[in-house]
Amino acid sequence: MSVSVEIAEKRFGETPVLGPMAFTVERGETVAILGPSGAGKTTLLRIVAGIDPDFRGEVRVLGDMAMVFQEPVLLPWRTARENLTIVHPGLGRAGADAALARVGIAERAEAFAGQLSLGQQRRLSLARAFAAKPQVLVMDEPFVSLDRDNASAMLDLTLGLIAETQPATLFVTHAREEAERLGARLLELSGSPAGLTPLE
């Protein structure tokens, strides 16, 4: 087991957001959390990632974690290469360039992150997440706002990277077809407060 989640309750003030739930994610497994906007998907990921400790329950994560956010969290005044080496100084120039090549943006190594297209920024975010070969990967709607062709290419790229590194992957999306492309075990977040239901 790489990730174990047991939540009794999560509230924002007096409002209950997440209800009782429990699930695990094994190394090499992908679990997708589906549900409409506002269901609490990002809140759940923030709890798993340790960003939001204000809940009743327990989360256990074994191994190094990497997170890919809805919006690429990059340093716009740094180059694509520097966005990798600042986070992963052990990579060095050659390692960073190899990581950029793996996600198809080797030619943009010297470009500032703020000069990259949204699709290129998302590729850079993937490269940064996978550069350290994490044991746990948390992804919060990483393909949102991309057109169909770019989203499909990013899904294929993510599949390849997951196959190489075999992390325990927790993936949040509102698009069931994305989860199915990743071969994920499907859980739906719904209700008020929201709970998890396995999907076939």
N, C-alpha and C. Protein backbone atom coordinates (compact mmCIF):
# COMPACT_ATOMS: atom_id res chain seq x y z
N MET A 1 0.85 -1.19 0.00
CA MET A 1 0.00 0.00 0.00
C MET A 1 0.89 1.25 0.00
N SER A 2 0.63 2.18 -0.93
CA SER A 2 1.36 3.44 -0.97
C SER A 2 0.55 4.60 -0.40
N VAL A 3 -0.78 4.55 -0.59
CA VAL A 3 -1.64 5.61 -0.08
C VAL A 3 -2.84 4.97 0.62
N SER A 4 -3.11 5.43 1.83
CA SER A 4 -4.30 4.98 2.57
C SER A 4 -5.03 6.21 3.07
N VAL A 5 -6.31 6.31 2.72
CA VAL A 5 -7.11 7.49 3.09
C VAL A 5 -8.32 7.03 3.89
N GLU A 6 -8.47 7.61 5.07
CA GLU A 6 -9.65 7.38 5.90
C GLU A 6 -10.11 8.75 6.39
N ILE A 7 -11.22 9.23 5.85
CA ILE A 7 -11.74 10.54 6.23
C ILE A 7 -13.10 10.34 6.91
N ALA A 8 -13.21 10.88 8.11
CA ALA A 8 -14.50 10.86 8.80
C ALA A 8 -15.34 12.06 8.39
N GLU A 9 -14.68 13.24 8.29
CA GLU A 9 -15.41 14.44 7.93
C GLU A 9 -14.44 15.56 7.59
N LYS A 10 -14.83 16.37 6.62
CA LYS A 10 -14.15 17.60 6.30
C LYS A 10 -15.20 18.70 6.21
N ARG A 11 -14.97 19.81 6.95
CA ARG A 11 -15.89 20.93 6.95
C ARG A 11 -15.18 22.20 6.53
N PHE A 12 -15.93 23.11 5.93
CA PHE A 12 -15.50 24.48 5.76
C PHE A 12 -16.42 25.31 6.65
N GLY A 13 -15.92 25.71 7.82
CA GLY A 13 -16.76 26.36 8.80
C GLY A 13 -17.80 25.39 9.31
N GLU A 14 -19.06 25.74 9.18
CA GLU A 14 -20.14 24.87 9.64
C GLU A 14 -20.65 23.95 8.53
N THR A 15 -20.11 24.09 7.34
CA THR A 15 -20.62 23.33 6.20
C THR A 15 -19.83 22.05 5.99
N PRO A 16 -20.45 20.87 6.11
CA PRO A 16 -19.74 19.62 5.81
C PRO A 16 -19.54 19.48 4.31
N VAL A 17 -18.32 19.14 3.91
CA VAL A 17 -17.98 19.03 2.48
C VAL A 17 -17.75 17.58 2.09
N LEU A 18 -16.96 16.87 2.88
CA LEU A 18 -16.68 15.46 2.63
C LEU A 18 -17.20 14.64 3.78
N GLY A 19 -17.87 13.53 3.44
CA GLY A 19 -18.39 12.62 4.45
C GLY A 19 -17.47 11.43 4.62
N PRO A 20 -17.90 10.44 5.38
CA PRO A 20 -17.04 9.28 5.63
C PRO A 20 -16.64 8.57 4.33
N MET A 21 -15.35 8.26 4.23
CA MET A 21 -14.83 7.52 3.06
C MET A 21 -13.51 6.88 3.43
N ALA A 22 -13.19 5.81 2.73
CA ALA A 22 -11.91 5.13 2.92
C ALA A 22 -11.52 4.45 1.63
N PHE A 23 -10.26 4.61 1.23
CA PHE A 23 -9.76 3.91 0.04
C PHE A 23 -8.24 3.86 0.11
N THR A 24 -7.66 2.97 -0.68
CA THR A 24 -6.21 2.85 -0.79
C THR A 24 -5.81 2.90 -2.26
N VAL A 25 -4.56 3.25 -2.50
CA VAL A 25 -3.97 3.23 -3.84
C VAL A 25 -2.66 2.48 -3.74
N GLU A 26 -2.54 1.41 -4.48
CA GLU A 26 -1.33 0.58 -4.45
C GLU A 26 -0.29 1.11 -5.44
N ARG A 27 0.97 0.75 -5.22
CA ARG A 27 2.04 1.10 -6.16
C ARG A 27 1.72 0.49 -7.52
N GLY A 28 1.80 1.30 -8.58
CA GLY A 28 1.49 0.84 -9.93
C GLY A 28 0.03 0.94 -10.29
N GLU A 29 -0.83 1.32 -9.34
CA GLU A 29 -2.26 1.43 -9.59
C GLU A 29 -2.64 2.88 -9.82
N THR A 30 -3.65 3.10 -10.68
CA THR A 30 -4.22 4.43 -10.88
C THR A 30 -5.66 4.41 -10.40
N VAL A 31 -5.98 5.33 -9.51
CA VAL A 31 -7.36 5.50 -9.02
C VAL A 31 -7.83 6.88 -9.45
N ALA A 32 -8.99 6.92 -10.10
CA ALA A 32 -9.56 8.18 -10.56
C ALA A 32 -10.74 8.56 -9.69
N ILE A 33 -10.75 9.81 -9.27
CA ILE A 33 -11.87 10.38 -8.53
C ILE A 33 -12.68 11.24 -9.50
N LEU A 34 -13.90 10.82 -9.79
CA LEU A 34 -14.76 11.57 -10.70
C LEU A 34 -15.84 12.30 -9.92
N GLY A 35 -16.45 13.27 -10.57
CA GLY A 35 -17.54 14.01 -9.94
C GLY A 35 -17.66 15.38 -10.56
N PRO A 36 -18.82 16.01 -10.40
CA PRO A 36 -19.04 17.33 -10.98
C PRO A 36 -18.23 18.41 -10.26
N SER A 37 -18.15 19.57 -10.88
CA SER A 37 -17.49 20.71 -10.24
C SER A 37 -18.17 21.02 -8.92
N GLY A 38 -17.36 21.29 -7.90
CA GLY A 38 -17.90 21.63 -6.59
C GLY A 38 -18.18 20.45 -5.70
N ALA A 39 -17.89 19.23 -6.19
CA ALA A 39 -18.18 18.03 -5.39
C ALA A 39 -17.16 17.82 -4.27
N GLY A 40 -16.00 18.48 -4.37
CA GLY A 40 -14.98 18.31 -3.33
C GLY A 40 -13.76 17.55 -3.79
N LYS A 41 -13.60 17.37 -5.11
CA LYS A 41 -12.47 16.58 -5.63
C LYS A 41 -11.13 17.21 -5.29
N THR A 42 -11.01 18.52 -5.54
CA THR A 42 -9.74 19.19 -5.24
C THR A 42 -9.49 19.23 -3.74
N THR A 43 -10.54 19.41 -2.95
CA THR A 43 -10.40 19.38 -1.50
C THR A 43 -9.83 18.04 -1.05
N LEU A 44 -10.34 16.95 -1.61
CA LEU A 44 -9.84 15.62 -1.27
C LEU A 44 -8.36 15.48 -1.62
N LEU A 45 -7.97 15.97 -2.81
CA LEU A 45 -6.56 15.87 -3.19
C LEU A 45 -5.67 16.71 -2.28
N ARG A 46 -6.14 17.86 -1.89
CA ARG A 46 -5.34 18.71 -1.00
C ARG A 46 -5.14 18.02 0.35
N ILE A 47 -6.13 17.27 0.80
CA ILE A 47 -5.98 16.51 2.04
C ILE A 47 -4.94 15.41 1.85
N VAL A 48 -5.05 14.67 0.75
CA VAL A 48 -4.11 13.58 0.49
C VAL A 48 -2.68 14.10 0.36
N ALA A 49 -2.54 15.27 -0.29
CA ALA A 49 -1.21 15.84 -0.51
C ALA A 49 -0.63 16.50 0.73
N GLY A 50 -1.43 16.61 1.80
CA GLY A 50 -0.95 17.22 3.02
C GLY A 50 -1.05 18.73 3.03
N ILE A 51 -1.69 19.31 2.01
CA ILE A 51 -1.84 20.76 1.93
C ILE A 51 -2.92 21.24 2.90
N ASP A 52 -3.94 20.43 3.12
CA ASP A 52 -5.04 20.79 4.02
C ASP A 52 -5.13 19.74 5.13
N PRO A 53 -4.57 20.05 6.30
CA PRO A 53 -4.60 19.10 7.41
C PRO A 53 -5.85 19.22 8.29
N ASP A 54 -6.76 20.14 7.96
CA ASP A 54 -7.90 20.44 8.82
C ASP A 54 -9.08 19.52 8.47
N PHE A 55 -9.00 18.27 8.91
CA PHE A 55 -10.07 17.29 8.68
C PHE A 55 -10.00 16.25 9.78
N ARG A 56 -11.09 15.51 9.92
CA ARG A 56 -11.09 14.39 10.87
C ARG A 56 -10.82 13.11 10.11
N GLY A 57 -9.77 12.42 10.48
CA GLY A 57 -9.42 11.18 9.80
C GLY A 57 -7.91 11.01 9.75
N GLU A 58 -7.47 10.15 8.87
CA GLU A 58 -6.04 9.85 8.77
C GLU A 58 -5.68 9.54 7.32
N VAL A 59 -4.57 10.11 6.87
CA VAL A 59 -4.02 9.82 5.55
C VAL A 59 -2.58 9.36 5.73
N ARG A 60 -2.25 8.23 5.13
CA ARG A 60 -0.88 7.71 5.18
C ARG A 60 -0.35 7.59 3.76
N VAL A 61 0.82 8.17 3.54
CA VAL A 61 1.47 8.13 2.23
C VAL A 61 2.87 7.56 2.41
N LEU A 62 3.18 6.50 1.69
CA LEU A 62 4.50 5.88 1.76
C LEU A 62 5.27 6.23 0.49
N GLY A 63 6.39 6.92 0.65
CA GLY A 63 7.22 7.27 -0.50
C GLY A 63 7.10 8.73 -0.88
N ASP A 64 7.98 9.13 -1.79
CA ASP A 64 8.01 10.51 -2.26
C ASP A 64 6.78 10.79 -3.13
N MET A 65 6.24 12.00 -2.98
CA MET A 65 5.04 12.39 -3.72
C MET A 65 5.35 13.54 -4.67
N ALA A 66 4.73 13.49 -5.84
CA ALA A 66 4.74 14.61 -6.78
C ALA A 66 3.30 14.96 -7.10
N MET A 67 3.06 16.26 -7.37
CA MET A 67 1.69 16.70 -7.63
C MET A 67 1.66 17.53 -8.90
N VAL A 68 0.64 17.29 -9.73
CA VAL A 68 0.39 18.08 -10.94
C VAL A 68 -0.93 18.80 -10.72
N PHE A 69 -0.89 20.12 -10.72
CA PHE A 69 -2.07 20.93 -10.40
C PHE A 69 -2.90 21.23 -11.65
N GLN A 70 -4.12 21.74 -11.42
CA GLN A 70 -4.98 22.16 -12.53
C GLN A 70 -4.28 23.18 -13.40
N GLU A 71 -3.70 24.19 -12.77
CA GLU A 71 -2.95 25.22 -13.49
C GLU A 71 -1.46 24.96 -13.26
N PRO A 72 -0.67 24.99 -14.32
CA PRO A 72 0.77 24.75 -14.14
C PRO A 72 1.37 25.73 -13.15
N VAL A 73 1.99 25.24 -12.10
CA VAL A 73 2.62 26.08 -11.08
C VAL A 73 4.10 26.16 -11.42
N LEU A 74 4.42 27.13 -12.26
CA LEU A 74 5.78 27.28 -12.77
C LEU A 74 6.33 28.64 -12.38
N LEU A 75 7.65 28.79 -12.48
CA LEU A 75 8.30 30.09 -12.27
C LEU A 75 8.42 30.76 -13.63
N PRO A 76 7.56 31.74 -13.94
CA PRO A 76 7.51 32.27 -15.30
C PRO A 76 8.77 33.02 -15.71
N TRP A 77 9.56 33.49 -14.73
CA TRP A 77 10.78 34.24 -15.04
C TRP A 77 12.00 33.32 -15.15
N ARG A 78 11.77 32.02 -15.07
CA ARG A 78 12.84 31.03 -15.24
C ARG A 78 12.59 30.24 -16.52
N THR A 79 13.68 29.71 -17.08
CA THR A 79 13.53 28.92 -18.29
C THR A 79 12.91 27.57 -17.96
N ALA A 80 12.49 26.88 -19.02
CA ALA A 80 11.93 25.54 -18.82
C ALA A 80 12.94 24.64 -18.12
N ARG A 81 14.21 24.71 -18.56
CA ARG A 81 15.25 23.89 -17.93
C ARG A 81 15.41 24.26 -16.46
N GLU A 82 15.43 25.55 -16.16
CA GLU A 82 15.62 25.99 -14.78
C GLU A 82 14.45 25.59 -13.89
N ASN A 83 13.24 25.52 -14.44
CA ASN A 83 12.09 25.07 -13.66
C ASN A 83 12.27 23.63 -13.19
N LEU A 84 13.06 22.87 -13.91
CA LEU A 84 13.36 21.50 -13.50
C LEU A 84 14.53 21.46 -12.51
N THR A 85 15.61 22.16 -12.82
CA THR A 85 16.82 22.04 -12.00
C THR A 85 16.66 22.73 -10.65
N ILE A 86 15.79 23.74 -10.55
CA ILE A 86 15.55 24.37 -9.24
C ILE A 86 14.87 23.39 -8.30
N VAL A 87 13.88 22.66 -8.82
CA VAL A 87 13.15 21.69 -8.00
C VAL A 87 13.97 20.41 -7.81
N HIS A 88 14.70 20.01 -8.84
CA HIS A 88 15.49 18.78 -8.81
C HIS A 88 16.95 19.10 -9.14
N PRO A 89 17.70 19.70 -8.20
CA PRO A 89 19.07 20.12 -8.51
C PRO A 89 19.99 18.98 -8.92
N GLY A 90 19.67 17.76 -8.50
CA GLY A 90 20.50 16.63 -8.88
C GLY A 90 20.41 16.25 -10.35
N LEU A 91 19.40 16.78 -11.04
CA LEU A 91 19.25 16.46 -12.46
C LEU A 91 20.41 16.97 -13.28
N GLY A 92 20.83 18.21 -13.02
CA GLY A 92 21.83 18.84 -13.85
C GLY A 92 21.26 19.20 -15.21
N ARG A 93 22.07 19.85 -16.01
CA ARG A 93 21.61 20.30 -17.33
C ARG A 93 21.23 19.13 -18.22
N ALA A 94 22.08 18.11 -18.25
CA ALA A 94 21.82 16.96 -19.14
C ALA A 94 20.55 16.23 -18.73
N GLY A 95 20.37 16.02 -17.43
CA GLY A 95 19.18 15.33 -16.96
C GLY A 95 17.91 16.13 -17.23
N ALA A 96 17.99 17.45 -17.04
CA ALA A 96 16.83 18.30 -17.32
C ALA A 96 16.50 18.26 -18.80
N ASP A 97 17.51 18.33 -19.66
CA ASP A 97 17.25 18.31 -21.10
C ASP A 97 16.66 16.97 -21.53
N ALA A 98 17.09 15.89 -20.90
CA ALA A 98 16.52 14.58 -21.22
C ALA A 98 15.06 14.52 -20.79
N ALA A 99 14.74 15.11 -19.64
CA ALA A 99 13.35 15.12 -19.16
C ALA A 99 12.47 15.95 -20.09
N LEU A 100 12.98 17.08 -20.57
CA LEU A 100 12.23 17.91 -21.51
C LEU A 100 12.03 17.18 -22.84
N ALA A 101 13.05 16.46 -23.27
CA ALA A 101 12.92 15.69 -24.51
C ALA A 101 11.87 14.61 -24.36
N ARG A 102 11.80 14.01 -23.17
CA ARG A 102 10.84 12.93 -22.94
C ARG A 102 9.41 13.40 -23.10
N VAL A 103 9.15 14.68 -22.77
CA VAL A 103 7.79 15.20 -22.89
C VAL A 103 7.61 16.04 -24.16
N GLY A 104 8.62 16.02 -25.04
CA GLY A 104 8.46 16.62 -26.36
C GLY A 104 8.67 18.11 -26.46
N ILE A 105 9.40 18.71 -25.50
CA ILE A 105 9.65 20.15 -25.58
C ILE A 105 11.14 20.47 -25.41
N ALA A 106 12.00 19.60 -25.91
CA ALA A 106 13.45 19.81 -25.79
C ALA A 106 13.87 21.14 -26.42
N GLU A 107 13.20 21.51 -27.52
CA GLU A 107 13.59 22.73 -28.22
C GLU A 107 13.21 24.00 -27.47
N ARG A 108 12.45 23.86 -26.38
CA ARG A 108 12.00 25.02 -25.60
C ARG A 108 12.77 25.14 -24.27
N ALA A 109 13.90 24.45 -24.16
CA ALA A 109 14.65 24.44 -22.90
C ALA A 109 15.05 25.84 -22.45
N GLU A 110 15.39 26.72 -23.39
CA GLU A 110 15.86 28.06 -23.05
C GLU A 110 14.72 29.08 -22.97
N ALA A 111 13.50 28.68 -23.30
CA ALA A 111 12.36 29.60 -23.24
C ALA A 111 11.91 29.78 -21.80
N PHE A 112 11.52 31.00 -21.46
CA PHE A 112 10.95 31.22 -20.14
C PHE A 112 9.59 30.54 -20.06
N ALA A 113 9.26 30.06 -18.87
CA ALA A 113 8.00 29.33 -18.71
C ALA A 113 6.81 30.18 -19.12
N GLY A 114 6.89 31.49 -18.87
CA GLY A 114 5.80 32.38 -19.24
C GLY A 114 5.64 32.55 -20.74
N GLN A 115 6.63 32.12 -21.52
CA GLN A 115 6.56 32.22 -22.98
C GLN A 115 6.00 30.94 -23.62
N LEU A 116 5.79 29.92 -22.82
CA LEU A 116 5.31 28.65 -23.34
C LEU A 116 3.80 28.68 -23.52
N SER A 117 3.31 27.91 -24.48
CA SER A 117 1.86 27.74 -24.62
C SER A 117 1.35 26.93 -23.43
N LEU A 118 0.01 26.93 -23.26
CA LEU A 118 -0.57 26.17 -22.16
C LEU A 118 -0.20 24.69 -22.27
N GLY A 119 -0.28 24.14 -23.47
CA GLY A 119 0.08 22.74 -23.65
C GLY A 119 1.53 22.47 -23.29
N GLN A 120 2.44 23.37 -23.67
CA GLN A 120 3.85 23.21 -23.33
C GLN A 120 4.08 23.35 -21.83
N GLN A 121 3.34 24.27 -21.20
CA GLN A 121 3.45 24.41 -19.74
C GLN A 121 3.00 23.13 -19.04
N ARG A 122 1.96 22.52 -19.55
CA ARG A 122 1.48 21.28 -18.93
C ARG A 122 2.50 20.16 -19.14
N ARG A 123 3.14 20.12 -20.28
CA ARG A 123 4.20 19.13 -20.51
C ARG A 123 5.37 19.36 -19.55
N LEU A 124 5.71 20.62 -19.34
CA LEU A 124 6.78 20.94 -18.39
C LEU A 124 6.39 20.51 -16.98
N SER A 125 5.13 20.73 -16.61
CA SER A 125 4.67 20.29 -15.29
C SER A 125 4.79 18.78 -15.13
N LEU A 126 4.46 18.03 -16.19
CA LEU A 126 4.62 16.58 -16.15
C LEU A 126 6.08 16.19 -16.00
N ALA A 127 6.95 16.85 -16.78
CA ALA A 127 8.37 16.54 -16.70
C ALA A 127 8.89 16.77 -15.28
N ARG A 128 8.46 17.86 -14.66
CA ARG A 128 8.91 18.17 -13.30
C ARG A 128 8.40 17.12 -12.32
N ALA A 129 7.15 16.70 -12.48
CA ALA A 129 6.58 15.72 -11.55
C ALA A 129 7.30 14.37 -11.66
N PHE A 130 7.60 13.95 -12.87
CA PHE A 130 8.17 12.62 -13.07
C PHE A 130 9.69 12.58 -12.96
N ALA A 131 10.34 13.74 -12.92
CA ALA A 131 11.80 13.78 -12.94
C ALA A 131 12.41 13.04 -11.76
N ALA A 132 11.74 13.09 -10.61
CA ALA A 132 12.28 12.44 -9.41
C ALA A 132 11.78 11.01 -9.25
N LYS A 133 11.05 10.49 -10.27
CA LYS A 133 10.50 9.14 -10.20
C LYS A 133 9.73 8.92 -8.88
N PRO A 134 8.65 9.67 -8.69
CA PRO A 134 7.92 9.59 -7.41
C PRO A 134 7.24 8.24 -7.22
N GLN A 135 7.10 7.85 -5.96
CA GLN A 135 6.35 6.64 -5.63
C GLN A 135 4.84 6.93 -5.61
N VAL A 136 4.47 8.20 -5.38
CA VAL A 136 3.07 8.61 -5.34
C VAL A 136 2.90 9.83 -6.23
N LEU A 137 1.90 9.77 -7.10
CA LEU A 137 1.61 10.87 -8.03
C LEU A 137 0.16 11.31 -7.82
N VAL A 138 -0.04 12.62 -7.60
CA VAL A 138 -1.36 13.19 -7.41
C VAL A 138 -1.59 14.19 -8.53
N MET A 139 -2.69 14.00 -9.29
CA MET A 139 -2.96 14.83 -10.46
C MET A 139 -4.36 15.43 -10.35
N ASP A 140 -4.44 16.76 -10.41
CA ASP A 140 -5.71 17.47 -10.26
C ASP A 140 -6.14 18.05 -11.61
N GLU A 141 -6.97 17.33 -12.34
CA GLU A 141 -7.48 17.74 -13.64
C GLU A 141 -6.39 18.36 -14.52
N PRO A 142 -5.33 17.62 -14.80
CA PRO A 142 -4.18 18.21 -15.51
C PRO A 142 -4.43 18.51 -16.98
N PHE A 143 -5.54 18.02 -17.54
CA PHE A 143 -5.80 18.23 -18.96
C PHE A 143 -6.91 19.24 -19.22
N VAL A 144 -7.40 19.89 -18.15
CA VAL A 144 -8.49 20.84 -18.30
C VAL A 144 -8.02 22.01 -19.16
N SER A 145 -8.92 22.56 -19.95
CA SER A 145 -8.68 23.73 -20.82
C SER A 145 -7.86 23.41 -22.06
N LEU A 146 -7.49 22.16 -22.27
CA LEU A 146 -6.80 21.79 -23.49
C LEU A 146 -7.80 21.35 -24.55
N ASP A 147 -7.49 21.61 -25.83
CA ASP A 147 -8.37 21.11 -26.88
C ASP A 147 -8.23 19.60 -26.97
N ARG A 148 -9.13 18.98 -27.73
CA ARG A 148 -9.21 17.51 -27.76
C ARG A 148 -7.89 16.86 -28.18
N ASP A 149 -7.25 17.40 -29.22
CA ASP A 149 -6.01 16.80 -29.71
C ASP A 149 -4.89 16.91 -28.67
N ASN A 150 -4.75 18.09 -28.06
CA ASN A 150 -3.71 18.25 -27.04
C ASN A 150 -4.00 17.41 -25.81
N ALA A 151 -5.26 17.32 -25.41
CA ALA A 151 -5.62 16.51 -24.25
C ALA A 151 -5.30 15.04 -24.52
N SER A 152 -5.60 14.58 -25.74
CA SER A 152 -5.32 13.19 -26.10
C SER A 152 -3.81 12.91 -26.08
N ALA A 153 -3.03 13.86 -26.62
CA ALA A 153 -1.58 13.69 -26.62
C ALA A 153 -1.04 13.66 -25.20
N MET A 154 -1.58 14.51 -24.33
CA MET A 154 -1.13 14.54 -22.95
C MET A 154 -1.50 13.26 -22.21
N LEU A 155 -2.67 12.71 -22.51
CA LEU A 155 -3.06 11.43 -21.91
C LEU A 155 -2.10 10.33 -22.31
N ASP A 156 -1.74 10.28 -23.59
CA ASP A 156 -0.80 9.26 -24.05
C ASP A 156 0.56 9.43 -23.38
N LEU A 157 1.00 10.68 -23.26
CA LEU A 157 2.28 10.95 -22.61
C LEU A 157 2.24 10.52 -21.15
N THR A 158 1.17 10.85 -20.47
CA THR A 158 1.03 10.48 -19.06
C THR A 158 1.02 8.97 -18.88
N LEU A 159 0.30 8.29 -19.76
CA LEU A 159 0.29 6.82 -19.71
C LEU A 159 1.69 6.25 -19.81
N GLY A 160 2.49 6.79 -20.73
CA GLY A 160 3.85 6.30 -20.90
C GLY A 160 4.71 6.55 -19.68
N LEU A 161 4.58 7.73 -19.11
CA LEU A 161 5.38 8.07 -17.93
C LEU A 161 4.97 7.23 -16.72
N ILE A 162 3.68 7.00 -16.56
CA ILE A 162 3.22 6.15 -15.46
C ILE A 162 3.73 4.72 -15.64
N ALA A 163 3.71 4.23 -16.88
CA ALA A 163 4.19 2.87 -17.14
C ALA A 163 5.68 2.74 -16.80
N GLU A 164 6.43 3.80 -17.02
CA GLU A 164 7.88 3.76 -16.75
C GLU A 164 8.18 3.78 -15.25
N THR A 165 7.46 4.60 -14.50
CA THR A 165 7.82 4.83 -13.10
C THR A 165 6.94 4.08 -12.10
N GLN A 166 5.75 3.63 -12.52
CA GLN A 166 4.87 2.81 -11.70
C GLN A 166 4.53 3.43 -10.34
N PRO A 167 4.13 4.71 -10.31
CA PRO A 167 3.72 5.27 -9.03
C PRO A 167 2.31 4.84 -8.66
N ALA A 168 1.96 5.04 -7.41
CA ALA A 168 0.55 4.99 -7.00
C ALA A 168 -0.04 6.33 -7.42
N THR A 169 -1.01 6.30 -8.34
CA THR A 169 -1.51 7.53 -8.96
C THR A 169 -2.95 7.80 -8.54
N LEU A 170 -3.17 9.00 -8.02
CA LEU A 170 -4.52 9.47 -7.69
C LEU A 170 -4.83 10.61 -8.64
N PHE A 171 -5.87 10.41 -9.45
CA PHE A 171 -6.15 11.30 -10.59
C PHE A 171 -7.57 11.83 -10.46
N VAL A 172 -7.72 13.14 -10.43
CA VAL A 172 -9.03 13.77 -10.34
C VAL A 172 -9.44 14.31 -11.70
N THR A 173 -10.68 14.02 -12.10
CA THR A 173 -11.19 14.52 -13.37
C THR A 173 -12.71 14.53 -13.33
N HIS A 174 -13.31 15.34 -14.20
CA HIS A 174 -14.76 15.27 -14.39
C HIS A 174 -15.10 14.49 -15.65
N ALA A 175 -14.04 14.05 -16.38
CA ALA A 175 -14.24 13.37 -17.66
C ALA A 175 -13.95 11.88 -17.51
N ARG A 176 -14.99 11.07 -17.54
CA ARG A 176 -14.81 9.63 -17.35
C ARG A 176 -13.92 9.02 -18.43
N GLU A 177 -14.00 9.53 -19.66
CA GLU A 177 -13.19 8.95 -20.73
C GLU A 177 -11.70 9.12 -20.46
N GLU A 178 -11.31 10.23 -19.80
CA GLU A 178 -9.90 10.40 -19.44
C GLU A 178 -9.47 9.33 -18.46
N ALA A 179 -10.30 9.10 -17.45
CA ALA A 179 -9.97 8.08 -16.44
C ALA A 179 -9.87 6.70 -17.07
N GLU A 180 -10.78 6.40 -17.98
CA GLU A 180 -10.77 5.09 -18.63
C GLU A 180 -9.54 4.93 -19.52
N ARG A 181 -9.11 6.01 -20.18
CA ARG A 181 -7.89 5.94 -20.99
C ARG A 181 -6.67 5.61 -20.14
N LEU A 182 -6.68 6.06 -18.89
CA LEU A 182 -5.55 5.80 -18.00
C LEU A 182 -5.67 4.44 -17.31
N GLY A 183 -6.74 3.70 -17.61
CA GLY A 183 -6.91 2.39 -17.01
C GLY A 183 -7.14 2.45 -15.52
N ALA A 184 -7.84 3.47 -15.08
CA ALA A 184 -7.99 3.72 -13.65
C ALA A 184 -9.14 2.93 -13.04
N ARG A 185 -9.00 2.66 -11.74
CA ARG A 185 -10.14 2.22 -10.94
C ARG A 185 -10.95 3.46 -10.62
N LEU A 186 -12.26 3.41 -10.88
CA LEU A 186 -13.09 4.61 -10.83
C LEU A 186 -13.87 4.71 -9.53
N LEU A 187 -13.78 5.89 -8.91
CA LEU A 187 -14.55 6.22 -7.72
C LEU A 187 -15.26 7.54 -7.98
N GLU A 188 -16.55 7.61 -7.66
CA GLU A 188 -17.31 8.85 -7.89
C GLU A 188 -17.57 9.56 -6.57
N LEU A 189 -17.31 10.86 -6.57
CA LEU A 189 -17.53 11.69 -5.40
C LEU A 189 -18.84 12.45 -5.60
N SER A 190 -19.81 12.19 -4.72
CA SER A 190 -21.11 12.84 -4.88
C SER A 190 -21.82 12.87 -3.54
N GLY A 191 -22.90 13.67 -3.49
CA GLY A 191 -23.69 13.79 -2.28
C GLY A 191 -23.31 15.02 -1.49
N SER A 192 -23.99 15.24 -0.39
CA SER A 192 -23.72 16.39 0.46
C SER A 192 -23.95 16.00 1.93
N PRO A 193 -22.87 15.79 2.71
CA PRO A 193 -21.48 15.88 2.29
C PRO A 193 -21.10 14.73 1.35
N ALA A 194 -20.09 14.95 0.53
CA ALA A 194 -19.75 14.00 -0.52
C ALA A 194 -19.09 12.75 0.03
N GLY A 195 -19.48 11.63 -0.54
CA GLY A 195 -18.84 10.35 -0.25
C GLY A 195 -18.42 9.69 -1.55
N LEU A 196 -17.71 8.58 -1.46
CA LEU A 196 -17.19 7.90 -2.63
C LEU A 196 -17.99 6.65 -2.95
N THR A 197 -18.27 6.46 -4.24
CA THR A 197 -18.98 5.27 -4.72
C THR A 197 -18.15 4.62 -5.83
N PRO A 198 -17.83 3.33 -5.74
CA PRO A 198 -17.11 2.67 -6.84
C PRO A 198 -17.98 2.64 -8.09
N LEU A 199 -17.35 2.82 -9.25
CA LEU A 199 -18.04 2.75 -10.53
C LEU A 199 -17.55 1.54 -11.31
N GLU A 200 -18.44 0.95 -12.09
CA GLU A 200 -18.06 -0.19 -12.93
C GLU A 200 -17.29 0.32 -14.15
